[in-house]
C-alpha atoms as a PDB file:
ATOM      1  CA  MET A   1    -138.999 176.851 -61.041  1.00  0.00           C
ATOM      2  CA  ILE A   2    -136.548 177.555 -58.184  1.00  0.00           C
ATOM      3  CA  GLN A   3    -139.257 176.813 -55.604  1.00  0.00           C
ATOM      4  CA  LEU A   4    -140.184 173.634 -57.440  1.00  0.00           C
ATOM      5  CA  GLY A   5    -136.572 172.462 -57.444  1.00  0.00           C
ATOM      6  CA  GLY A   6    -136.251 173.384 -53.782  1.00  0.00           C
ATOM      7  CA  ALA A   7    -139.307 171.309 -52.898  1.00  0.00           C
ATOM      8  CA  PHE A   8    -137.909 168.337 -54.805  1.00  0.00           C
ATOM      9  CA  VAL A   9    -134.531 168.588 -53.082  1.00  0.00           C
ATOM     10  CA  ALA A  10    -136.170 169.014 -49.657  1.00  0.00           C
ATOM     11  CA  GLY A  11    -138.255 165.891 -50.171  1.00  0.00           C
ATOM     12  CA  LEU A  12    -135.209 164.046 -51.445  1.00  0.00           C
ATOM     13  CA  VAL A  13    -133.131 165.068 -48.428  1.00  0.00           C
ATOM     14  CA  ILE A  14    -135.792 164.167 -45.875  1.00  0.00           C
ATOM     15  CA  GLY A  15    -136.185 160.712 -47.424  1.00  0.00           C
ATOM     16  CA  PRO A  16    -133.426 158.986 -45.385  1.00  0.00           C
ATOM     17  CA  ALA A  17    -134.839 160.374 -42.118  1.00  0.00           C
ATOM     18  CA  VAL A  18    -138.306 159.137 -43.013  1.00  0.00           C
ATOM     19  CA  ASP A  19    -136.820 155.765 -43.925  1.00  0.00           C
ATOM     20  CA  VAL A  20    -135.197 155.528 -40.483  1.00  0.00           C
ATOM     21  CA  TRP A  21    -138.516 156.472 -38.855  1.00  0.00           C
ATOM     22  CA  ILE A  22    -140.323 153.741 -40.768  1.00  0.00           C
ATOM     23  CA  THR A  23    -137.674 151.198 -39.793  1.00  0.00           C
ATOM     24  CA  ARG A  24    -137.988 152.093 -36.102  1.00  0.00           C
ATOM     25  CA  GLN A  25    -141.764 151.870 -36.107  1.00  0.00           C
ATOM     26  CA  LEU A  26    -141.647 148.462 -37.777  1.00  0.00           C
ATOM     27  CA  ALA A  27    -138.993 147.304 -35.312  1.00  0.00           C
ATOM     28  CA  ARG A  28    -141.359 148.116 -32.456  1.00  0.00           C
ATOM     29  CA  ARG A  29    -143.737 145.637 -34.036  1.00  0.00           C
ATOM     30  CA  GLY A  30    -140.933 143.090 -34.182  1.00  0.00           C
ATOM     31  CA  LEU A  31    -140.639 143.436 -37.950  1.00  0.00           C
ATOM     32  CA  GLY A  32    -137.462 143.848 -39.952  1.00  0.00           C
ATOM     33  CA  ARG A  33    -137.033 145.140 -43.469  1.00  0.00           C
ATOM     34  CA  PRO A  34    -135.917 143.059 -46.475  1.00  0.00           C
ATOM     35  CA  GLU A  35    -132.155 143.594 -46.696  1.00  0.00           C
ATOM     36  CA  SER A  36    -131.987 142.291 -50.259  1.00  0.00           C
ATOM     37  CA  TRP A  37    -133.692 145.381 -51.623  1.00  0.00           C
ATOM     38  CA  ARG A  38    -133.106 147.964 -48.879  1.00  0.00           C
ATOM     39  CA  PRO A  39    -130.733 150.139 -50.972  1.00  0.00           C
ATOM     40  CA  ALA A  40    -133.332 150.341 -53.709  1.00  0.00           C
ATOM     41  CA  THR A  41    -136.191 151.165 -51.332  1.00  0.00           C
ATOM     42  CA  ARG A  42    -134.178 153.962 -49.699  1.00  0.00           C
ATOM     43  CA  TRP A  43    -133.681 155.659 -53.052  1.00  0.00           C
ATOM     44  CA  VAL A  44    -137.224 154.991 -54.232  1.00  0.00           C
ATOM     45  CA  LEU A  45    -138.691 156.521 -51.072  1.00  0.00           C
ATOM     46  CA  SER A  46    -136.455 159.602 -51.336  1.00  0.00           C
ATOM     47  CA  VAL A  47    -137.297 160.143 -54.997  1.00  0.00           C
ATOM     48  CA  ALA A  48    -141.007 159.569 -54.297  1.00  0.00           C
ATOM     49  CA  LEU A  49    -140.958 162.167 -51.532  1.00  0.00           C
ATOM     50  CA  GLY A  50    -139.043 164.612 -53.701  1.00  0.00           C
ATOM     51  CA  MET A  51    -141.541 164.260 -56.526  1.00  0.00           C
ATOM     52  CA  GLY A  52    -144.484 164.294 -54.137  1.00  0.00           C
ATOM     53  CA  TRP A  53    -143.374 167.493 -52.435  1.00  0.00           C
ATOM     54  CA  ALA A  54    -142.731 169.157 -55.787  1.00  0.00           C
ATOM     55  CA  VAL A  55    -146.175 168.165 -57.069  1.00  0.00           C
ATOM     56  CA  VAL A  56    -147.819 169.375 -53.856  1.00  0.00           C
ATOM     57  CA  LEU A  57    -146.109 172.767 -54.166  1.00  0.00           C
ATOM     58  CA  THR A  58    -147.135 173.018 -57.802  1.00  0.00           C
ATOM     59  CA  THR A  59    -150.711 172.052 -56.990  1.00  0.00           C
ATOM     60  CA  VAL A  60    -151.359 173.860 -53.720  1.00  0.00           C
ATOM     61  CA  GLY A  61    -148.911 176.738 -54.040  1.00  0.00           C
ATOM     62  CA  SER A  62    -147.781 178.750 -51.029  1.00  0.00           C
ATOM     63  CA  ALA A  63    -151.148 178.478 -49.304  1.00  0.00           C
ATOM     64  CA  GLY A  64    -151.449 178.002 -45.564  1.00  0.00           C
ATOM     65  CA  VAL A  65    -152.523 174.399 -46.062  1.00  0.00           C
ATOM     66  CA  LEU A  66    -149.277 173.577 -47.875  1.00  0.00           C
ATOM     67  CA  ALA A  67    -147.656 172.140 -44.724  1.00  0.00           C
ATOM     68  CA  ALA A  68    -150.607 169.802 -44.166  1.00  0.00           C
ATOM     69  CA  HIS A  69    -150.332 168.493 -47.698  1.00  0.00           C
ATOM     70  CA  LEU A  70    -146.566 167.942 -47.376  1.00  0.00           C
ATOM     71  CA  VAL A  71    -147.048 165.906 -44.195  1.00  0.00           C
ATOM     72  CA  TRP A  72    -149.896 164.024 -45.864  1.00  0.00           C
ATOM     73  CA  ALA A  73    -147.683 163.162 -48.828  1.00  0.00           C
ATOM     74  CA  THR A  74    -144.942 161.959 -46.493  1.00  0.00           C
ATOM     75  CA  VAL A  75    -147.223 159.794 -44.371  1.00  0.00           C
ATOM     76  CA  THR A  76    -148.968 158.214 -47.337  1.00  0.00           C
ATOM     77  CA  ALA A  77    -145.632 157.390 -48.975  1.00  0.00           C
ATOM     78  CA  SER A  78    -144.522 155.789 -45.710  1.00  0.00           C
ATOM     79  CA  VAL A  79    -147.552 153.527 -45.371  1.00  0.00           C
ATOM     80  CA  VAL A  80    -147.282 152.515 -49.015  1.00  0.00           C
ATOM     81  CA  ALA A  81    -143.745 151.346 -48.264  1.00  0.00           C
ATOM     82  CA  THR A  82    -144.806 149.317 -45.199  1.00  0.00           C
ATOM     83  CA  ASP A  83    -147.808 147.843 -47.000  1.00  0.00           C
ATOM     84  CA  LEU A  84    -145.648 146.689 -49.890  1.00  0.00           C
ATOM     85  CA  GLU A  85    -143.087 145.176 -47.532  1.00  0.00           C
ATOM     86  CA  HIS A  86    -145.286 143.629 -44.831  1.00  0.00           C
ATOM     87  CA  ARG A  87    -148.918 144.012 -45.924  1.00  0.00           C
ATOM     88  CA  LEU A  88    -149.208 146.307 -42.925  1.00  0.00           C
ATOM     89  CA  ILE A  89    -150.160 149.928 -42.231  1.00  0.00           C
ATOM     90  CA  PRO A  90    -148.739 150.574 -38.746  1.00  0.00           C
ATOM     91  CA  ASN A  91    -150.835 152.670 -36.376  1.00  0.00           C
ATOM     92  CA  ARG A  92    -147.546 154.130 -35.079  1.00  0.00           C
ATOM     93  CA  ILE A  93    -147.129 155.794 -38.465  1.00  0.00           C
ATOM     94  CA  LEU A  94    -150.723 156.430 -39.455  1.00  0.00           C
ATOM     95  CA  TYR A  95    -152.086 157.889 -36.205  1.00  0.00           C
ATOM     96  CA  PRO A  96    -149.460 160.575 -35.530  1.00  0.00           C
ATOM     97  CA  GLY A  97    -149.292 161.388 -39.231  1.00  0.00           C
ATOM     98  CA  ALA A  98    -153.057 161.840 -39.407  1.00  0.00           C
ATOM     99  CA  ALA A  99    -153.083 163.950 -36.239  1.00  0.00           C
ATOM    100  CA  VAL A 100    -150.358 166.301 -37.482  1.00  0.00           C
ATOM    101  CA  THR A 101    -152.038 166.569 -40.881  1.00  0.00           C
ATOM    102  CA  ALA A 102    -155.387 167.437 -39.287  1.00  0.00           C
ATOM    103  CA  VAL A 103    -153.895 170.114 -37.013  1.00  0.00           C
ATOM    104  CA  LEU A 104    -151.945 171.698 -39.855  1.00  0.00           C
ATOM    105  CA  LEU A 105    -154.985 171.572 -42.135  1.00  0.00           C
ATOM    106  CA  LEU A 106    -157.066 173.314 -39.451  1.00  0.00           C
ATOM    107  CA  ALA A 107    -154.467 176.030 -38.909  1.00  0.00           C
ATOM    108  CA  GLY A 108    -153.829 176.427 -42.624  1.00  0.00           C
ATOM    109  CA  ALA A 109    -157.519 176.793 -43.419  1.00  0.00           C
ATOM    110  CA  PHE A 110    -157.833 179.709 -41.005  1.00  0.00           C
ATOM    111  CA  LEU A 111    -154.664 181.302 -42.381  1.00  0.00           C
ATOM    112  CA  ASP A 112    -156.090 181.028 -45.887  1.00  0.00           C
ATOM    113  CA  GLY A 113    -159.484 182.320 -44.793  1.00  0.00           C
ATOM    114  CA  THR A 114    -161.170 179.077 -45.853  1.00  0.00           C
ATOM    115  CA  PRO A 115    -162.462 177.563 -42.589  1.00  0.00           C
ATOM    116  CA  GLY A 116    -165.660 176.616 -44.391  1.00  0.00           C
ATOM    117  CA  ARG A 117    -163.745 173.899 -46.215  1.00  0.00           C
ATOM    118  CA  LEU A 118    -163.043 172.103 -42.945  1.00  0.00           C
ATOM    119  CA  GLY A 119    -166.618 170.854 -42.906  1.00  0.00           C
ATOM    120  CA  SER A 120    -166.233 169.169 -46.279  1.00  0.00           C
ATOM    121  CA  ALA A 121    -162.852 167.797 -45.166  1.00  0.00           C
ATOM    122  CA  ALA A 122    -164.440 166.186 -42.109  1.00  0.00           C
ATOM    123  CA  LEU A 123    -167.349 164.895 -44.190  1.00  0.00           C
ATOM    124  CA  GLY A 124    -164.974 163.464 -46.783  1.00  0.00           C
ATOM    125  CA  ALA A 125    -163.026 161.660 -44.072  1.00  0.00           C
ATOM    126  CA  GLY A 126    -166.214 160.347 -42.470  1.00  0.00           C
ATOM    127  CA  LEU A 127    -167.739 159.098 -45.716  1.00  0.00           C
ATOM    128  CA  CYS A 128    -164.535 157.341 -46.765  1.00  0.00           C
ATOM    129  CA  LEU A 129    -164.211 155.760 -43.321  1.00  0.00           C
ATOM    130  CA  LEU A 130    -167.835 154.614 -43.355  1.00  0.00           C
ATOM    131  CA  GLY A 131    -167.705 153.347 -46.926  1.00  0.00           C
ATOM    132  CA  MET A 132    -164.460 151.454 -46.511  1.00  0.00           C
ATOM    133  CA  GLY A 133    -165.555 150.108 -43.146  1.00  0.00           C
ATOM    134  CA  THR A 134    -168.743 148.761 -44.665  1.00  0.00           C
ATOM    135  CA  LEU A 135    -166.821 147.112 -47.498  1.00  0.00           C
ATOM    136  CA  SER A 136    -164.418 145.590 -44.979  1.00  0.00           C
ATOM    137  CA  VAL A 137    -167.298 144.028 -43.047  1.00  0.00           C
ATOM    138  CA  LEU A 138    -169.080 142.814 -46.176  1.00  0.00           C
ATOM    139  CA  GLY A 139    -165.841 141.471 -47.590  1.00  0.00           C
ATOM    140  CA  ARG A 140    -165.132 139.595 -44.349  1.00  0.00           C
ATOM    141  CA  GLY A 141    -161.622 140.898 -43.933  1.00  0.00           C
ATOM    142  CA  ALA A 142    -160.705 141.198 -47.612  1.00  0.00           C
ATOM    143  CA  LEU A 143    -160.068 144.872 -46.894  1.00  0.00           C
ATOM    144  CA  GLY A 144    -157.876 145.418 -43.833  1.00  0.00           C
ATOM    145  CA  MET A 145    -158.607 147.904 -41.059  1.00  0.00           C
ATOM    146  CA  GLY A 146    -155.381 149.684 -41.918  1.00  0.00           C
ATOM    147  CA  ASP A 147    -156.820 150.428 -45.352  1.00  0.00           C
ATOM    148  CA  VAL A 148    -160.053 151.617 -43.745  1.00  0.00           C
ATOM    149  CA  LYS A 149    -158.222 154.049 -41.458  1.00  0.00           C
ATOM    150  CA  LEU A 150    -155.957 155.191 -44.273  1.00  0.00           C
ATOM    151  CA  SER A 151    -159.007 156.041 -46.376  1.00  0.00           C
ATOM    152  CA  ALA A 152    -160.128 158.477 -43.658  1.00  0.00           C
ATOM    153  CA  LEU A 153    -156.816 160.350 -43.905  1.00  0.00           C
ATOM    154  CA  LEU A 154    -157.038 160.405 -47.685  1.00  0.00           C
ATOM    155  CA  GLY A 155    -160.649 161.566 -47.493  1.00  0.00           C
ATOM    156  CA  LEU A 156    -159.716 164.342 -45.062  1.00  0.00           C
ATOM    157  CA  VAL A 157    -157.232 166.049 -47.367  1.00  0.00           C
ATOM    158  CA  CYS A 158    -159.142 165.334 -50.568  1.00  0.00           C
ATOM    159  CA  GLY A 159    -162.362 166.430 -48.867  1.00  0.00           C
ATOM    160  CA  TYR A 160    -160.841 169.812 -48.117  1.00  0.00           C
ATOM    161  CA  TRP A 161    -161.125 170.488 -51.837  1.00  0.00           C
ATOM    162  CA  GLY A 162    -164.665 169.109 -51.981  1.00  0.00           C
ATOM    163  CA  VAL A 163    -166.596 166.060 -50.816  1.00  0.00           C
ATOM    164  CA  GLU A 164    -166.829 164.917 -54.418  1.00  0.00           C
ATOM    165  CA  VAL A 165    -163.014 164.892 -54.588  1.00  0.00           C
ATOM    166  CA  ALA A 166    -162.850 162.545 -51.588  1.00  0.00           C
ATOM    167  CA  LEU A 167    -165.435 160.227 -53.114  1.00  0.00           C
ATOM    168  CA  ARG A 168    -163.648 160.307 -56.467  1.00  0.00           C
ATOM    169  CA  ALA A 169    -160.395 159.415 -54.723  1.00  0.00           C
ATOM    170  CA  ALA A 170    -161.925 156.354 -53.039  1.00  0.00           C
ATOM    171  CA  LEU A 171    -163.650 155.198 -56.220  1.00  0.00           C
ATOM    172  CA  THR A 172    -160.532 155.678 -58.335  1.00  0.00           C
ATOM    173  CA  GLY A 173    -158.442 153.763 -55.809  1.00  0.00           C
ATOM    174  CA  PHE A 174    -160.847 150.848 -55.994  1.00  0.00           C
ATOM    175  CA  LEU A 175    -160.874 150.910 -59.776  1.00  0.00           C
ATOM    176  CA  ILE A 176    -157.076 150.907 -59.958  1.00  0.00           C
ATOM    177  CA  GLY A 177    -156.894 148.104 -57.391  1.00  0.00           C
ATOM    178  CA  GLY A 178    -159.564 146.098 -59.191  1.00  0.00           C
ATOM    179  CA  VAL A 179    -157.830 146.358 -62.551  1.00  0.00           C
ATOM    180  CA  ALA A 180    -154.503 145.378 -60.983  1.00  0.00           C
ATOM    181  CA  ALA A 181    -156.049 142.395 -59.184  1.00  0.00           C
ATOM    182  CA  LEU A 182    -157.782 141.247 -62.357  1.00  0.00           C
ATOM    183  CA  GLY A 183    -154.548 141.507 -64.298  1.00  0.00           C
ATOM    184  CA  LEU A 184    -152.691 139.439 -61.691  1.00  0.00           C
ATOM    185  CA  MET A 185    -155.384 136.772 -61.721  1.00  0.00           C
ATOM    186  CA  LEU A 186    -155.442 136.591 -65.497  1.00  0.00           C
ATOM    187  CA  THR A 187    -151.672 136.105 -65.532  1.00  0.00           C
ATOM    188  CA  ARG A 188    -152.015 133.559 -62.695  1.00  0.00           C
ATOM    189  CA  ARG A 189    -149.820 135.572 -60.368  1.00  0.00           C
ATOM    190  CA  ALA A 190    -152.642 135.763 -57.846  1.00  0.00           C
ATOM    191  CA  HIS A 191    -156.004 134.156 -57.073  1.00  0.00           C
ATOM    192  CA  ARG A 192    -159.214 135.370 -55.487  1.00  0.00           C
ATOM    193  CA  HIS A 193    -157.926 134.762 -51.941  1.00  0.00           C
ATOM    194  CA  THR A 194    -154.542 136.458 -52.433  1.00  0.00           C
ATOM    195  CA  GLN A 195    -154.063 139.419 -50.094  1.00  0.00           C
ATOM    196  CA  LEU A 196    -152.738 142.329 -52.099  1.00  0.00           C
ATOM    197  CA  PRO A 197    -151.308 145.512 -50.578  1.00  0.00           C
ATOM    198  CA  PHE A 198    -154.141 147.960 -51.123  1.00  0.00           C
ATOM    199  CA  ALA A 199    -152.558 151.154 -49.787  1.00  0.00           C
ATOM    200  CA  PRO A 200    -150.699 151.888 -53.060  1.00  0.00           C
ATOM    201  CA  PHE A 201    -153.978 151.833 -54.986  1.00  0.00           C
ATOM    202  CA  LEU A 202    -155.818 154.018 -52.472  1.00  0.00           C
ATOM    203  CA  VAL A 203    -153.002 156.566 -52.425  1.00  0.00           C
ATOM    204  CA  ALA A 204    -152.786 156.557 -56.239  1.00  0.00           C
ATOM    205  CA  GLY A 205    -156.522 157.207 -56.412  1.00  0.00           C
ATOM    206  CA  ALA A 206    -156.204 160.124 -53.998  1.00  0.00           C
ATOM    207  CA  TRP A 207    -153.394 161.694 -55.997  1.00  0.00           C
ATOM    208  CA  TRP A 208    -155.355 161.247 -59.204  1.00  0.00           C
ATOM    209  CA  ALA A 209    -158.392 162.955 -57.678  1.00  0.00           C
ATOM    210  CA  LEU A 210    -156.332 165.840 -56.306  1.00  0.00           C
ATOM    211  CA  LEU A 211    -154.404 166.486 -59.497  1.00  0.00           C
ATOM    212  CA  GLY A 212    -157.636 166.559 -61.453  1.00  0.00           C
ATOM    213  CA  GLN A 213    -158.830 169.574 -59.479  1.00  0.00           C
ATOM    214  CA  PRO A 214    -158.801 173.141 -60.889  1.00  0.00           C
ATOM    215  CA  PHE A 215    -156.948 174.688 -57.922  1.00  0.00           C
END
């Protein structure tokens, strides 16, 4: 319980620093952040990171791959924030986050004596990247390249626990997104050509797939 509380507080404390990092990366793209709801987003991000870190600790435990999962949770929360604000997943956030996650996952797997799982992690990332890329081409831009690249990161971590987990994450994300889009269209808050931020659905699907695993 003490470790769980510590993880929550650590995520909560790091939230403002992550928020500043996000703001700087967006500024380099010439993008600002909506001032009208900035106080709320700062708190939401901090609470999300606190909860995410606590859930990761509960799920993964003190394994060597814990650090990789904490970075993964932080990066995915960051891109959800930028996608909601600007319909954008910045490469300046996604690329370094994915690189650090991959290195930590590699090191953690050897520390845990589970290097064999790295193959399924790579396969999970590759299948998600290929599947999402194909859907992006067939959908003629309905699915952005940021979403495609994000799916590879999600598939990497989920794939570490099994290729089927990565595939379940992608499928669940699409189902959640599809239900949400249908609901918005039925309530006339969106139409078939409305561009919805898809990162939140993909990340939700990944979390759902991970939490459903018997670790």
